[in-house]
C-alpha atoms as a PDB file:
ATOM      1  CA  MET A   1     -21.665  13.121  12.514  1.00  0.00           C
ATOM      2  CA  LYS A   2     -19.294  12.155   9.811  1.00  0.00           C
ATOM      3  CA  ARG A   3     -15.544  12.006   9.211  1.00  0.00           C
ATOM      4  CA  VAL A   4     -13.932  14.601   7.923  1.00  0.00           C
ATOM      5  CA  ASN A   5     -10.347  13.961   6.803  1.00  0.00           C
ATOM      6  CA  LEU A   6      -7.146  17.088   6.952  1.00  0.00           C
ATOM      7  CA  ILE A   7      -5.243  16.714   3.938  1.00  0.00           C
ATOM      8  CA  LYS A   8      -2.169  18.272   3.628  1.00  0.00           C
ATOM      9  CA  GLY A   9       0.691  17.703   0.640  1.00  0.00           C
ATOM     10  CA  GLY A  10      -1.676  15.342  -0.580  1.00  0.00           C
ATOM     11  CA  VAL A  11      -1.880  13.436   3.058  1.00  0.00           C
ATOM     12  CA  VAL A  12      -4.463  13.002   5.419  1.00  0.00           C
ATOM     13  CA  VAL A  13      -2.511  13.845   8.595  1.00  0.00           C
ATOM     14  CA  ASN A  14      -5.359  14.061  10.542  1.00  0.00           C
ATOM     15  CA  SER A  15      -9.342  12.998  10.688  1.00  0.00           C
ATOM     16  CA  ILE A  16     -12.096  14.477  12.487  1.00  0.00           C
ATOM     17  CA  SER A  17     -15.717  14.268  13.662  1.00  0.00           C
ATOM     18  CA  MET A  18     -17.809  16.883  12.247  1.00  0.00           C
ATOM     19  CA  PRO A  19     -21.871  17.609  13.132  1.00  0.00           C
ATOM     20  CA  ASP A  20     -23.516  15.901   9.352  1.00  0.00           C
ATOM     21  CA  GLU A  21     -24.554  19.632   8.567  1.00  0.00           C
ATOM     22  CA  TRP A  22     -21.025  20.659   8.191  1.00  0.00           C
ATOM     23  CA  THR A  23     -20.461  21.595   4.431  1.00  0.00           C
ATOM     24  CA  GLY A  24     -17.193  23.523   4.980  1.00  0.00           C
ATOM     25  CA  GLU A  25     -18.953  27.226   3.767  1.00  0.00           C
ATOM     26  CA  ALA A  26     -17.796  30.259   4.808  1.00  0.00           C
ATOM     27  CA  GLY A  27     -19.153  30.671   9.102  1.00  0.00           C
ATOM     28  CA  GLN A  28     -18.213  27.847   9.432  1.00  0.00           C
ATOM     29  CA  TRP A  29     -15.281  25.733  11.451  1.00  0.00           C
ATOM     30  CA  GLN A  30     -12.306  25.880   8.492  1.00  0.00           C
ATOM     31  CA  PRO A  31      -9.381  23.834   8.613  1.00  0.00           C
ATOM     32  CA  PRO A  32      -5.769  24.979  10.039  1.00  0.00           C
ATOM     33  CA  ASP A  33      -3.915  27.003   7.041  1.00  0.00           C
ATOM     34  CA  GLY A  34      -2.136  24.973   4.781  1.00  0.00           C
ATOM     35  CA  GLU A  35      -4.867  22.049   5.061  1.00  0.00           C
ATOM     36  CA  VAL A  36      -7.881  20.590   3.309  1.00  0.00           C
ATOM     37  CA  ALA A  37     -10.921  19.250   4.524  1.00  0.00           C
ATOM     38  CA  VAL A  38     -12.762  16.579   2.893  1.00  0.00           C
ATOM     39  CA  ALA A  39     -15.850  14.577   3.880  1.00  0.00           C
ATOM     40  CA  ASP A  40     -14.537  10.337   3.394  1.00  0.00           C
ATOM     41  CA  GLU A  41     -15.941   7.792   5.881  1.00  0.00           C
ATOM     42  CA  ASP A  42     -13.519   5.110   4.653  1.00  0.00           C
ATOM     43  CA  ALA A  43     -10.496   7.682   4.490  1.00  0.00           C
ATOM     44  CA  GLY A  44      -7.565   7.820   7.104  1.00  0.00           C
ATOM     45  CA  ILE A  45      -4.386   9.197   8.256  1.00  0.00           C
ATOM     46  CA  GLY A  46      -1.563   8.006   6.073  1.00  0.00           C
ATOM     47  CA  TYR A  47      -4.133   7.834   2.707  1.00  0.00           C
ATOM     48  CA  THR A  48      -3.144   9.861  -0.139  1.00  0.00           C
ATOM     49  CA  TYR A  49      -5.645  12.261  -1.849  1.00  0.00           C
ATOM     50  CA  ASP A  50      -5.211  13.868  -5.694  1.00  0.00           C
ATOM     51  CA  GLY A  51      -8.102  16.351  -5.483  1.00  0.00           C
ATOM     52  CA  THR A  52     -10.788  13.318  -6.068  1.00  0.00           C
ATOM     53  CA  VAL A  53      -9.894   9.866  -5.318  1.00  0.00           C
ATOM     54  CA  PHE A  54      -8.223   8.737  -1.634  1.00  0.00           C
ATOM     55  CA  THR A  55      -5.506   5.949  -1.908  1.00  0.00           C
ATOM     56  CA  LYS A  56      -4.852   3.510   1.010  1.00  0.00           C
ATOM     57  CA  PRO A  57      -1.379   3.214   1.632  1.00  0.00           C
ATOM     58  CA  ASP A  58       0.781   0.279   1.032  1.00  0.00           C
ATOM     59  CA  THR A  59       1.760  -1.587   3.913  1.00  0.00           C
ATOM     60  CA  GLU A  60       5.845  -2.197   3.712  1.00  0.00           C
ATOM     61  CA  ALA A  61       5.477  -5.316   2.281  1.00  0.00           C
ATOM     62  CA  ASP A  62       3.206  -4.202  -0.322  1.00  0.00           C
ATOM     63  CA  GLY A  63       5.910  -1.419  -1.192  1.00  0.00           C
ATOM     64  CA  LEU A  64       8.768  -3.829  -1.287  1.00  0.00           C
ATOM     65  CA  LEU A  65       6.772  -6.647  -3.258  1.00  0.00           C
ATOM     66  CA  ARG A  66       5.828  -3.792  -5.851  1.00  0.00           C
ATOM     67  CA  GLU A  67       9.534  -2.438  -5.842  1.00  0.00           C
ATOM     68  CA  TRP A  68      10.756  -5.909  -6.508  1.00  0.00           C
ATOM     69  CA  GLU A  69       8.823  -6.574  -9.592  1.00  0.00           C
ATOM     70  CA  ALA A  70       9.138  -3.484 -10.634  1.00  0.00           C
ATOM     71  CA  VAL A  71      12.950  -4.184 -10.870  1.00  0.00           C
ATOM     72  CA  MET A  72      12.899  -7.698 -12.204  1.00  0.00           C
ATOM     73  CA  VAL A  73      10.520  -6.568 -15.007  1.00  0.00           C
ATOM     74  CA  ALA A  74      12.989  -4.377 -15.894  1.00  0.00           C
ATOM     75  CA  SER A  75      15.766  -6.336 -16.037  1.00  0.00           C
ATOM     76  CA  ASP A  76      13.723  -9.221 -17.749  1.00  0.00           C
ATOM     77  CA  SER A  77      15.680 -11.867 -15.461  1.00  0.00           C
ATOM     78  CA  LEU A  78      14.866 -15.175 -13.309  1.00  0.00           C
ATOM     79  CA  MET A  79      14.293 -14.725  -9.745  1.00  0.00           C
ATOM     80  CA  THR A  80      17.162 -15.430  -8.069  1.00  0.00           C
ATOM     81  CA  ARG A  81      18.027 -17.866  -4.796  1.00  0.00           C
ATOM     82  CA  ASP A  82      18.784 -15.093  -2.703  1.00  0.00           C
ATOM     83  CA  VAL A  83      15.165 -12.897  -3.751  1.00  0.00           C
ATOM     84  CA  GLU A  84      13.473 -16.605  -3.108  1.00  0.00           C
ATOM     85  CA  ASP A  85      15.378 -16.764   0.349  1.00  0.00           C
ATOM     86  CA  LEU A  86      14.356 -13.198   1.108  1.00  0.00           C
ATOM     87  CA  ILE A  87      11.026 -13.776  -0.018  1.00  0.00           C
ATOM     88  CA  ASP A  88      10.840 -17.475   2.382  1.00  0.00           C
ATOM     89  CA  THR A  89      12.667 -15.348   5.313  1.00  0.00           C
ATOM     90  CA  LEU A  90       9.310 -12.738   5.016  1.00  0.00           C
ATOM     91  CA  LEU A  91       6.735 -15.711   5.048  1.00  0.00           C
ATOM     92  CA  VAL A  92       8.486 -17.570   7.734  1.00  0.00           C
ATOM     93  CA  THR A  93       8.873 -14.151   9.791  1.00  0.00           C
ATOM     94  CA  GLU A  94       4.994 -13.522   9.163  1.00  0.00           C
ATOM     95  CA  VAL A  95       6.122 -10.215   7.664  1.00  0.00           C
ATOM     96  CA  LEU A  96       4.733 -11.133   4.060  1.00  0.00           C
ATOM     97  CA  VAL A  97       1.756 -13.617   3.796  1.00  0.00           C
ATOM     98  CA  GLU A  98       1.483 -15.872   0.765  1.00  0.00           C
ATOM     99  CA  SER A  99      -1.941 -14.470   0.029  1.00  0.00           C
ATOM    100  CA  GLN A 100      -0.002 -11.074  -0.906  1.00  0.00           C
ATOM    101  CA  LEU A 101       2.287 -12.386  -3.283  1.00  0.00           C
ATOM    102  CA  PRO A 102       1.038 -11.478  -6.722  1.00  0.00           C
ATOM    103  CA  THR A 103      -0.234 -14.960  -8.962  1.00  0.00           C
ATOM    104  CA  LYS A 104       2.570 -14.935 -11.434  1.00  0.00           C
ATOM    105  CA  LEU A 105       4.901 -14.561  -8.608  1.00  0.00           C
ATOM    106  CA  SER A 106       3.914 -17.541  -6.192  1.00  0.00           C
ATOM    107  CA  ASP A 107       3.724 -19.917  -9.620  1.00  0.00           C
ATOM    108  CA  ALA A 108       7.232 -18.601 -10.437  1.00  0.00           C
ATOM    109  CA  ARG A 109       8.493 -19.820  -7.116  1.00  0.00           C
ATOM    110  CA  ILE A 110       6.808 -23.206  -7.489  1.00  0.00           C
ATOM    111  CA  GLU A 111       7.633 -23.977 -10.630  1.00  0.00           C
ATOM    112  CA  LYS A 112      11.539 -23.192  -9.818  1.00  0.00           C
ATOM    113  CA  LYS A 113      11.547 -24.869  -6.832  1.00  0.00           C
ATOM    114  CA  THR A 114       9.719 -28.017  -8.637  1.00  0.00           C
ATOM    115  CA  LEU A 115      13.056 -28.073 -11.470  1.00  0.00           C
ATOM    116  CA  ARG A 116      15.689 -27.247  -8.670  1.00  0.00           C
ATOM    117  CA  GLY A 117      14.176 -30.263  -6.863  1.00  0.00           C
ATOM    118  CA  SER A 118      15.019 -32.345  -9.817  1.00  0.00           C
ATOM    119  CA  LYS A 119      18.116 -30.735 -10.809  1.00  0.00           C
ATOM    120  CA  PRO A 120      21.651 -30.277  -8.966  1.00  0.00           C
ATOM    121  CA  ALA A 121      21.600 -26.822  -7.159  1.00  0.00           C
END
């Protein structure tokens, strides 16, 4: 048996098992109208498909971090205490783990906390 992913609008909406002999040719089982079937053992529901490559969906924390990084790069500003507090809260509540932080962000947090410890707030 092999995994076949049903794709609608570029997103995997279902994964099913098919016999190894299934190739999707005429005369064999076909996906419902508006869906495409592509065999891939690693992809699953929620993955995106661009016609060639499956991409794993972001976790909520990954998506939030990417949005935040984009804003910081676009504004070329330093991390504010509000953002630091938000990240700390996400870490404490385990929505986010330290290893998910990009190295530059992690280093910047350490540097700012060190500087803040030696200067009045």
